PDB file of N, CA and C in Angstrom:
ATOM      1  N   MET A   1      68.049  69.049 110.192  1.00  0.00           N
ATOM      2  CA  MET A   1      69.106  68.843 111.361  1.00  0.00           C
ATOM      3  C   MET A   1      68.866  67.008 111.167  1.00  0.00           C
ATOM      4  N   SER A   2      70.102  66.548 111.163  1.00  0.00           N
ATOM      5  CA  SER A   2      70.187  65.151 111.252  1.00  0.00           C
ATOM      6  C   SER A   2      69.789  64.373 112.431  1.00  0.00           C
ATOM      7  N   ARG A   3      69.413  63.359 112.324  1.00  0.00           N
ATOM      8  CA  ARG A   3      68.782  62.656 113.458  1.00  0.00           C
ATOM      9  C   ARG A   3      69.641  62.633 114.807  1.00  0.00           C
ATOM     10  N   GLY A   4      70.948  62.350 114.634  1.00  0.00           N
ATOM     11  CA  GLY A   4      71.801  62.547 115.730  1.00  0.00           C
ATOM     12  C   GLY A   4      72.033  63.890 116.244  1.00  0.00           C
ATOM     13  N   GLY A   5      71.740  65.086 115.446  1.00  0.00           N
ATOM     14  CA  GLY A   5      71.896  66.241 116.191  1.00  0.00           C
ATOM     15  C   GLY A   5      70.686  66.535 116.745  1.00  0.00           C
ATOM     16  N   LEU A   6      69.503  66.141 116.205  1.00  0.00           N
ATOM     17  CA  LEU A   6      68.233  66.408 117.048  1.00  0.00           C
ATOM     18  C   LEU A   6      68.173  65.442 118.355  1.00  0.00           C
ATOM     19  N   LEU A   7      68.805  64.488 118.339  1.00  0.00           N
ATOM     20  CA  LEU A   7      68.952  63.754 119.438  1.00  0.00           C
ATOM     21  C   LEU A   7      69.713  64.222 120.555  1.00  0.00           C
ATOM     22  N   ALA A   8      70.830  64.858 120.136  1.00  0.00           N
ATOM     23  CA  ALA A   8      71.622  65.617 121.089  1.00  0.00           C
ATOM     24  C   ALA A   8      71.086  66.907 121.548  1.00  0.00           C
ATOM     25  N   ALA A   9      70.239  67.591 120.632  1.00  0.00           N
ATOM     26  CA  ALA A   9      69.759  68.833 121.188  1.00  0.00           C
ATOM     27  C   ALA A   9      68.766  68.358 122.308  1.00  0.00           C
ATOM     28  N   MET A  10      67.985  67.597 122.126  1.00  0.00           N
ATOM     29  CA  MET A  10      67.007  66.828 123.011  1.00  0.00           C
ATOM     30  C   MET A  10      67.509  66.558 124.202  1.00  0.00           C
ATOM     31  N   THR A  11      68.545  66.040 124.339  1.00  0.00           N
ATOM     32  CA  THR A  11      69.219  65.461 125.400  1.00  0.00           C
ATOM     33  C   THR A  11      69.669  66.781 126.165  1.00  0.00           C
ATOM     34  N   ILE A  12      70.218  67.771 125.660  1.00  0.00           N
ATOM     35  CA  ILE A  12      70.773  68.890 126.203  1.00  0.00           C
ATOM     36  C   ILE A  12      69.425  69.833 126.874  1.00  0.00           C
ATOM     37  N   LEU A  13      68.438  69.608 126.357  1.00  0.00           N
ATOM     38  CA  LEU A  13      67.249  70.571 126.832  1.00  0.00           C
ATOM     39  C   LEU A  13      66.779  69.506 128.018  1.00  0.00           C
ATOM     40  N   PHE A  14      66.874  68.370 127.849  1.00  0.00           N
ATOM     41  CA  PHE A  14      66.349  67.512 129.004  1.00  0.00           C
ATOM     42  C   PHE A  14      67.135  67.567 130.209  1.00  0.00           C
ATOM     43  N   VAL A  15      68.572  67.586 130.017  1.00  0.00           N
ATOM     44  CA  VAL A  15      69.431  67.860 131.177  1.00  0.00           C
ATOM     45  C   VAL A  15      69.438  69.284 131.677  1.00  0.00           C
ATOM     46  N   VAL A  16      69.500  70.190 130.946  1.00  0.00           N
ATOM     47  CA  VAL A  16      69.763  71.605 131.260  1.00  0.00           C
ATOM     48  C   VAL A  16      68.245  72.354 131.600  1.00  0.00           C
ATOM     49  N   GLY A  17      67.402  71.819 130.843  1.00  0.00           N
ATOM     50  CA  GLY A  17      66.136  72.434 131.167  1.00  0.00           C
ATOM     51  C   GLY A  17      65.621  72.807 132.577  1.00  0.00           C
ATOM     52  N   PRO A  18      65.606  71.722 133.251  1.00  0.00           N
ATOM     53  CA  PRO A  18      64.862  71.605 134.594  1.00  0.00           C
ATOM     54  C   PRO A  18      66.002  72.455 135.717  1.00  0.00           C
ATOM     55  N   VAL A  19      67.337  72.868 135.217  1.00  0.00           N
ATOM     56  CA  VAL A  19      67.969  73.671 136.125  1.00  0.00           C
ATOM     57  C   VAL A  19      67.507  75.049 136.680  1.00  0.00           C
ATOM     58  N   GLY A  20      66.679  75.683 135.463  1.00  0.00           N
ATOM     59  CA  GLY A  20      66.142  76.990 136.032  1.00  0.00           C
ATOM     60  C   GLY A  20      65.100  76.734 136.938  1.00  0.00           C
ATOM     61  N   ASP A  21      64.357  75.732 136.920  1.00  0.00           N
ATOM     62  CA  ASP A  21      63.403  75.776 138.197  1.00  0.00           C
ATOM     63  C   ASP A  21      63.969  75.399 139.378  1.00  0.00           C
ATOM     64  N   VAL A  22      64.974  74.551 139.468  1.00  0.00           N
ATOM     65  CA  VAL A  22      65.672  74.263 140.605  1.00  0.00           C
ATOM     66  C   VAL A  22      66.541  75.494 141.232  1.00  0.00           C
ATOM     67  N   LEU A  23      66.856  76.387 140.512  1.00  0.00           N
ATOM     68  CA  LEU A  23      67.614  77.693 140.938  1.00  0.00           C
ATOM     69  C   LEU A  23      66.752  78.734 140.630  1.00  0.00           C
ATOM     70  N   ALA A  24      65.407  78.733 140.792  1.00  0.00           N
ATOM     71  CA  ALA A  24      64.560  79.774 140.303  1.00  0.00           C
ATOM     72  C   ALA A  24      64.584  80.869 141.130  1.00  0.00           C
ATOM     73  N   HIS A  25      64.649  80.764 142.371  1.00  0.00           N
ATOM     74  CA  HIS A  25      64.836  82.107 143.156  1.00  0.00           C
ATOM     75  C   HIS A  25      66.122  82.354 143.949  1.00  0.00           C
ATOM     76  N   GLY A  26      66.540  83.695 143.919  1.00  0.00           N
ATOM     77  CA  GLY A  26      67.698  83.896 144.777  1.00  0.00           C
ATOM     78  C   GLY A  26      67.437  84.553 145.775  1.00  0.00           C
ATOM     79  N   GLY A  27      68.150  85.282 146.427  1.00  0.00           N
ATOM     80  CA  GLY A  27      68.015  85.908 147.803  1.00  0.00           C
ATOM     81  C   GLY A  27      68.827  85.407 148.859  1.00  0.00           C
ATOM     82  N   GLY A  28      69.273  86.231 149.692  1.00  0.00           N
ATOM     83  CA  GLY A  28      70.299  85.694 150.652  1.00  0.00           C
ATOM     84  C   GLY A  28      69.522  85.091 151.739  1.00  0.00           C
ATOM     85  N   LEU A  29      70.298  84.111 152.525  1.00  0.00           N
ATOM     86  CA  LEU A  29      69.567  83.426 153.597  1.00  0.00           C
ATOM     87  C   LEU A  29      70.148  84.324 154.935  1.00  0.00           C
ATOM     88  N   ASP A  30      69.217  84.133 156.163  1.00  0.00           N
ATOM     89  CA  ASP A  30      69.613  84.873 157.265  1.00  0.00           C
ATOM     90  C   ASP A  30      70.523  83.674 158.022  1.00  0.00           C
ATOM     91  N   ALA A  31      70.802  84.278 159.217  1.00  0.00           N
ATOM     92  CA  ALA A  31      71.578  83.178 160.094  1.00  0.00           C
ATOM     93  C   ALA A  31      70.789  82.058 160.437  1.00  0.00           C
ATOM     94  N   TYR A  32      69.584  81.751 160.280  1.00  0.00           N
ATOM     95  CA  TYR A  32      68.766  80.521 160.459  1.00  0.00           C
ATOM     96  C   TYR A  32      68.751  79.681 159.089  1.00  0.00           C
ATOM     97  N   GLY A  33      69.463  80.083 158.154  1.00  0.00           N
ATOM     98  CA  GLY A  33      69.161  79.434 156.865  1.00  0.00           C
ATOM     99  C   GLY A  33      67.956  79.578 156.034  1.00  0.00           C
ATOM    100  N   CYS A  34      67.105  80.671 156.321  1.00  0.00           N
ATOM    101  CA  CYS A  34      65.892  80.981 155.889  1.00  0.00           C
ATOM    102  C   CYS A  34      65.934  82.237 155.335  1.00  0.00           C
ATOM    103  N   HIS A  35      64.629  82.546 154.656  1.00  0.00           N
ATOM    104  CA  HIS A  35      64.349  83.877 154.005  1.00  0.00           C
ATOM    105  C   HIS A  35      62.987  84.307 153.466  1.00  0.00           C
ATOM    106  N   HIS A  36      62.425  85.412 153.492  1.00  0.00           N
ATOM    107  CA  HIS A  36      61.163  85.722 152.939  1.00  0.00           C
ATOM    108  C   HIS A  36      60.858  85.549 151.652  1.00  0.00           C
ATOM    109  N   ASP A  37      59.964  84.864 151.320  1.00  0.00           N
ATOM    110  CA  ASP A  37      59.424  84.624 149.808  1.00  0.00           C
ATOM    111  C   ASP A  37      58.717  85.726 149.492  1.00  0.00           C
ATOM    112  N   ARG A  38      59.235  86.550 148.788  1.00  0.00           N
ATOM    113  CA  ARG A  38      58.605  87.786 147.998  1.00  0.00           C
ATOM    114  C   ARG A  38      57.625  87.516 147.115  1.00  0.00           C
ATOM    115  N   LYS A  39      57.762  86.541 146.181  1.00  0.00           N
ATOM    116  CA  LYS A  39      56.972  86.368 145.134  1.00  0.00           C
ATOM    117  C   LYS A  39      55.580  85.653 145.810  1.00  0.00           C
ATOM    118  N   ARG A  40      55.754  84.739 146.574  1.00  0.00           N
ATOM    119  CA  ARG A  40      54.382  84.003 146.996  1.00  0.00           C
ATOM    120  C   ARG A  40      54.159  84.278 148.505  1.00  0.00           C
ATOM    121  N   GLY A  41      54.899  85.090 149.148  1.00  0.00           N
ATOM    122  CA  GLY A  41      54.793  85.285 150.595  1.00  0.00           C
ATOM    123  C   GLY A  41      55.130  84.335 151.607  1.00  0.00           C
ATOM    124  N   GLY A  42      55.169  84.533 152.870  1.00  0.00           N
ATOM    125  CA  GLY A  42      55.772  83.633 153.764  1.00  0.00           C
ATOM    126  C   GLY A  42      57.280  83.583 154.050  1.00  0.00           C
ATOM    127  N   TYR A  43      57.801  82.686 154.759  1.00  0.00           N
ATOM    128  CA  TYR A  43      59.025  82.588 154.902  1.00  0.00           C
ATOM    129  C   TYR A  43      59.312  81.066 155.029  1.00  0.00           C
ATOM    130  N   HIS A  44      60.507  80.670 154.573  1.00  0.00           N
ATOM    131  CA  HIS A  44      60.878  79.297 154.464  1.00  0.00           C
ATOM    132  C   HIS A  44      62.317  79.120 154.548  1.00  0.00           C
ATOM    133  N   CYS A  45      62.710  77.727 154.952  1.00  0.00           N
ATOM    134  CA  CYS A  45      64.225  77.532 154.978  1.00  0.00           C
ATOM    135  C   CYS A  45      64.790  76.498 154.086  1.00  0.00           C
ATOM    136  N   HIS A  46      66.123  76.861 153.719  1.00  0.00           N
ATOM    137  CA  HIS A  46      66.681  75.918 152.848  1.00  0.00           C
ATOM    138  C   HIS A  46      67.796  75.259 153.673  1.00  0.00           C
ATOM    139  N   ARG A  47      68.373  75.800 154.840  1.00  0.00           N
ATOM    140  CA  ARG A  47      69.360  75.156 155.507  1.00  0.00           C
ATOM    141  C   ARG A  47      69.172  75.228 157.107  1.00  0.00           C
ATOM    142  N   GLY A  48      69.888  74.512 157.737  1.00  0.00           N
ATOM    143  CA  GLY A  48      69.555  74.524 159.306  1.00  0.00           C
ATOM    144  C   GLY A  48      68.609  73.643 159.725  1.00  0.00           C
ATOM    145  N   PRO A  49      68.311  73.692 160.994  1.00  0.00           N
ATOM    146  CA  PRO A  49      67.421  72.581 161.566  1.00  0.00           C
ATOM    147  C   PRO A  49      66.011  72.449 160.958  1.00  0.00           C
ATOM    148  N   LEU A  50      65.646  73.608 160.358  1.00  0.00           N
ATOM    149  CA  LEU A  50      64.128  73.573 159.838  1.00  0.00           C
ATOM    150  C   LEU A  50      64.210  73.695 158.281  1.00  0.00           C
ATOM    151  N   ALA A  51      65.271  73.199 157.686  1.00  0.00           N
ATOM    152  CA  ALA A  51      65.480  73.127 156.289  1.00  0.00           C
ATOM    153  C   ALA A  51      64.231  72.423 155.536  1.00  0.00           C
ATOM    154  N   GLY A  52      63.582  72.965 154.630  1.00  0.00           N
ATOM    155  CA  GLY A  52      62.460  72.241 153.905  1.00  0.00           C
ATOM    156  C   GLY A  52      61.168  72.616 154.507  1.00  0.00           C
ATOM    157  N   ARG A  53      60.943  73.454 155.488  1.00  0.00           N
ATOM    158  CA  ARG A  53      59.737  73.851 156.099  1.00  0.00           C
ATOM    159  C   ARG A  53      59.370  75.290 155.739  1.00  0.00           C
ATOM    160  N   ALA A  54      58.170  75.366 155.687  1.00  0.00           N
ATOM    161  CA  ALA A  54      57.730  76.988 155.457  1.00  0.00           C
ATOM    162  C   ALA A  54      56.837  77.260 156.438  1.00  0.00           C
ATOM    163  N   PHE A  55      56.863  78.585 156.795  1.00  0.00           N
ATOM    164  CA  PHE A  55      56.074  79.249 157.738  1.00  0.00           C
ATOM    165  C   PHE A  55      55.232  80.494 157.163  1.00  0.00           C
ATOM    166  N   ALA A  56      54.598  80.749 158.021  1.00  0.00           N
ATOM    167  CA  ALA A  56      53.752  82.241 157.494  1.00  0.00           C
ATOM    168  C   ALA A  56      54.625  83.524 157.789  1.00  0.00           C
ATOM    169  N   SER A  57      55.328  83.326 158.739  1.00  0.00           N
ATOM    170  CA  SER A  57      56.318  84.442 159.130  1.00  0.00           C
ATOM    171  C   SER A  57      57.578  84.040 159.785  1.00  0.00           C
ATOM    172  N   LYS A  58      58.546  85.023 159.913  1.00  0.00           N
ATOM    173  CA  LYS A  58      59.671  84.609 160.644  1.00  0.00           C
ATOM    174  C   LYS A  58      59.295  84.272 162.116  1.00  0.00           C
ATOM    175  N   GLY A  59      58.354  85.281 162.633  1.00  0.00           N
ATOM    176  CA  GLY A  59      58.280  85.023 164.162  1.00  0.00           C
ATOM    177  C   GLY A  59      57.560  83.775 164.390  1.00  0.00           C
ATOM    178  N   GLU A  60      56.831  83.004 163.443  1.00  0.00           N
ATOM    179  CA  GLU A  60      56.305  81.656 163.724  1.00  0.00           C
ATOM    180  C   GLU A  60      57.435  80.670 163.534  1.00  0.00           C
ATOM    181  N   MET A  61      58.424  80.746 162.536  1.00  0.00           N
ATOM    182  CA  MET A  61      59.577  79.921 162.551  1.00  0.00           C
ATOM    183  C   MET A  61      60.116  80.081 163.764  1.00  0.00           C
ATOM    184  N   LEU A  62      60.584  81.137 164.518  1.00  0.00           N
ATOM    185  CA  LEU A  62      61.314  81.438 165.659  1.00  0.00           C
ATOM    186  C   LEU A  62      60.559  80.682 166.794  1.00  0.00           C
ATOM    187  N   ARG A  63      59.138  80.805 166.911  1.00  0.00           N
ATOM    188  CA  ARG A  63      58.312  80.159 168.116  1.00  0.00           C
ATOM    189  C   ARG A  63      58.646  78.605 167.778  1.00  0.00           C
ATOM    190  N   VAL A  64      58.712  77.876 166.364  1.00  0.00           N
ATOM    191  CA  VAL A  64      58.847  76.495 166.292  1.00  0.00           C
ATOM    192  C   VAL A  64      60.379  75.896 166.661  1.00  0.00           C
ATOM    193  N   LEU A  65      61.263  76.957 166.391  1.00  0.00           N
ATOM    194  CA  LEU A  65      62.551  76.890 166.747  1.00  0.00           C
ATOM    195  C   LEU A  65      62.817  76.708 168.180  1.00  0.00           C
ATOM    196  N   ARG A  66      62.346  77.708 168.977  1.00  0.00           N
ATOM    197  CA  ARG A  66      62.396  77.684 170.461  1.00  0.00           C
ATOM    198  C   ARG A  66      61.864  76.348 170.997  1.00  0.00           C
ATOM    199  N   GLU A  67      60.658  75.949 170.474  1.00  0.00           N
ATOM    200  CA  GLU A  67      59.938  74.891 171.115  1.00  0.00           C
ATOM    201  C   GLU A  67      60.794  73.664 170.842  1.00  0.00           C
ATOM    202  N   ARG A  68      61.341  73.548 169.641  1.00  0.00           N
ATOM    203  CA  ARG A  68      62.002  72.351 169.279  1.00  0.00           C
ATOM    204  C   ARG A  68      63.362  72.274 170.288  1.00  0.00           C
ATOM    205  N   GLU A  69      64.037  73.483 170.455  1.00  0.00           N
ATOM    206  CA  GLU A  69      65.186  73.382 171.068  1.00  0.00           C
ATOM    207  C   GLU A  69      65.169  73.575 172.480  1.00  0.00           C
ATOM    208  N   ALA A  70      63.951  73.739 173.055  1.00  0.00           N
ATOM    209  CA  ALA A  70      63.627  73.689 174.464  1.00  0.00           C
ATOM    210  C   ALA A  70      63.908  72.398 175.197  1.00  0.00           C
ATOM    211  N   PRO A  71      64.523  72.217 176.313  1.00  0.00           N
ATOM    212  CA  PRO A  71      64.415  70.917 176.793  1.00  0.00           C
ATOM    213  C   PRO A  71      63.280  70.567 177.510  1.00  0.00           C
ATOM    214  N   GLN A  72      62.753  69.334 177.336  1.00  0.00           N
ATOM    215  CA  GLN A  72      61.863  68.871 177.833  1.00  0.00           C
ATOM    216  C   GLN A  72      61.792  69.011 179.293  1.00  0.00           C
ATOM    217  N   ARG A  73      60.931  69.685 179.999  1.00  0.00           N
ATOM    218  CA  ARG A  73      60.875  69.981 181.503  1.00  0.00           C
ATOM    219  C   ARG A  73      59.653  69.102 182.063  1.00  0.00           C
ATOM    220  N   ALA A  74      60.224  68.297 183.057  1.00  0.00           N
ATOM    221  CA  ALA A  74      59.025  67.524 184.002  1.00  0.00           C
ATOM    222  C   ALA A  74      58.446  68.635 184.778  1.00  0.00           C
ATOM    223  N   PRO A  75      57.228  68.451 185.218  1.00  0.00           N
ATOM    224  CA  PRO A  75      56.655  69.313 186.022  1.00  0.00           C
ATOM    225  C   PRO A  75      57.400  69.795 187.488  1.00  0.00           C
ATOM    226  N   GLN A  76      57.676  70.708 187.930  1.00  0.00           N
ATOM    227  CA  GLN A  76      58.209  71.328 189.082  1.00  0.00           C
ATOM    228  C   GLN A  76      57.539  70.629 190.321  1.00  0.00           C
ATOM    229  N   THR A  77      58.085  69.967 191.013  1.00  0.00           N
ATOM    230  CA  THR A  77      57.486  69.650 192.413  1.00  0.00           C
ATOM    231  C   THR A  77      58.394  70.042 193.471  1.00  0.00           C
ATOM    232  N   PRO A  78      57.811  70.691 194.456  1.00  0.00           N
ATOM    233  CA  PRO A  78      58.590  71.273 195.677  1.00  0.00           C
ATOM    234  C   PRO A  78      59.551  70.054 196.428  1.00  0.00           C
ATOM    235  N   PRO A  79      60.688  70.192 196.637  1.00  0.00           N
ATOM    236  CA  PRO A  79      61.448  69.332 197.094  1.00  0.00           C
ATOM    237  C   PRO A  79      60.689  68.920 198.504  1.00  0.00           C
ATOM    238  N   SER A  80      60.872  67.597 198.989  1.00  0.00           N
ATOM    239  CA  SER A  80      60.376  67.090 200.309  1.00  0.00           C
ATOM    240  C   SER A  80      61.335  67.535 201.287  1.00  0.00           C
ATOM    241  N   PRO A  81      60.624  67.938 202.440  1.00  0.00           N
ATOM    242  CA  PRO A  81      61.771  68.348 203.604  1.00  0.00           C
ATOM    243  C   PRO A  81      62.304  67.125 204.173  1.00  0.00           C
ATOM    244  N   THR A  82      63.710  67.415 204.216  1.00  0.00           N
ATOM    245  CA  THR A  82      64.492  66.342 204.818  1.00  0.00           C
ATOM    246  C   THR A  82      64.253  66.412 206.516  1.00  0.00           C
ATOM    247  N   PRO A  83      64.280  65.330 207.121  1.00  0.00           N
ATOM    248  CA  PRO A  83      64.159  65.060 208.593  1.00  0.00           C
ATOM    249  C   PRO A  83      65.156  65.729 209.262  1.00  0.00           C
ATOM    250  N   GLN A  84      64.943  66.612 210.336  1.00  0.00           N
ATOM    251  CA  GLN A  84      65.951  66.974 210.809  1.00  0.00           C
ATOM    252  C   GLN A  84      66.128  66.299 212.333  1.00  0.00           C
ATOM    253  N   PRO A  85      67.231  65.923 212.838  1.00  0.00           N
ATOM    254  CA  PRO A  85      67.568  65.172 214.080  1.00  0.00           C
ATOM    255  C   PRO A  85      66.944  66.001 215.180  1.00  0.00           C
ATOM    256  N   ALA A  86      66.463  65.226 216.302  1.00  0.00           N
ATOM    257  CA  ALA A  86      65.877  65.851 217.438  1.00  0.00           C
ATOM    258  C   ALA A  86      66.928  66.568 218.096  1.00  0.00           C
ATOM    259  N   PRO A  87      66.677  67.806 218.760  1.00  0.00           N
ATOM    260  CA  PRO A  87      68.077  68.397 219.397  1.00  0.00           C
ATOM    261  C   PRO A  87      68.389  67.799 220.621  1.00  0.00           C
ATOM    262  N   LYS A  88      69.302  67.620 221.084  1.00  0.00           N
ATOM    263  CA  LYS A  88      69.763  66.888 222.434  1.00  0.00           C
ATOM    264  C   LYS A  88      69.508  67.876 223.555  1.00  0.00           C
ATOM    265  N   ARG A  89      69.178  67.190 224.739  1.00  0.00           N
ATOM    266  CA  ARG A  89      68.908  68.016 225.886  1.00  0.00           C
ATOM    267  C   ARG A  89      69.815  67.707 227.038  1.00  0.00           C
TER     268      ARG A  89
END
């Protein structure tokens, strides 16, 4: 093989080779953009608000999602009574 051909072959392997790792696993995503990882276990997300995060289970992901989306609530205090005018006699 000529030096030019060897260089071309190495370039193609360098560019195309890593694609197999990037596209390594298939499997559909659920409505949250996540799925179970059957090879390594667990549950991880590719899309949506939790993209890039991994969890032990879908239940754990749902708990984190609920906590994230829940409005921050201030402690509830009972309303102070409004003063009533004195009855007229």
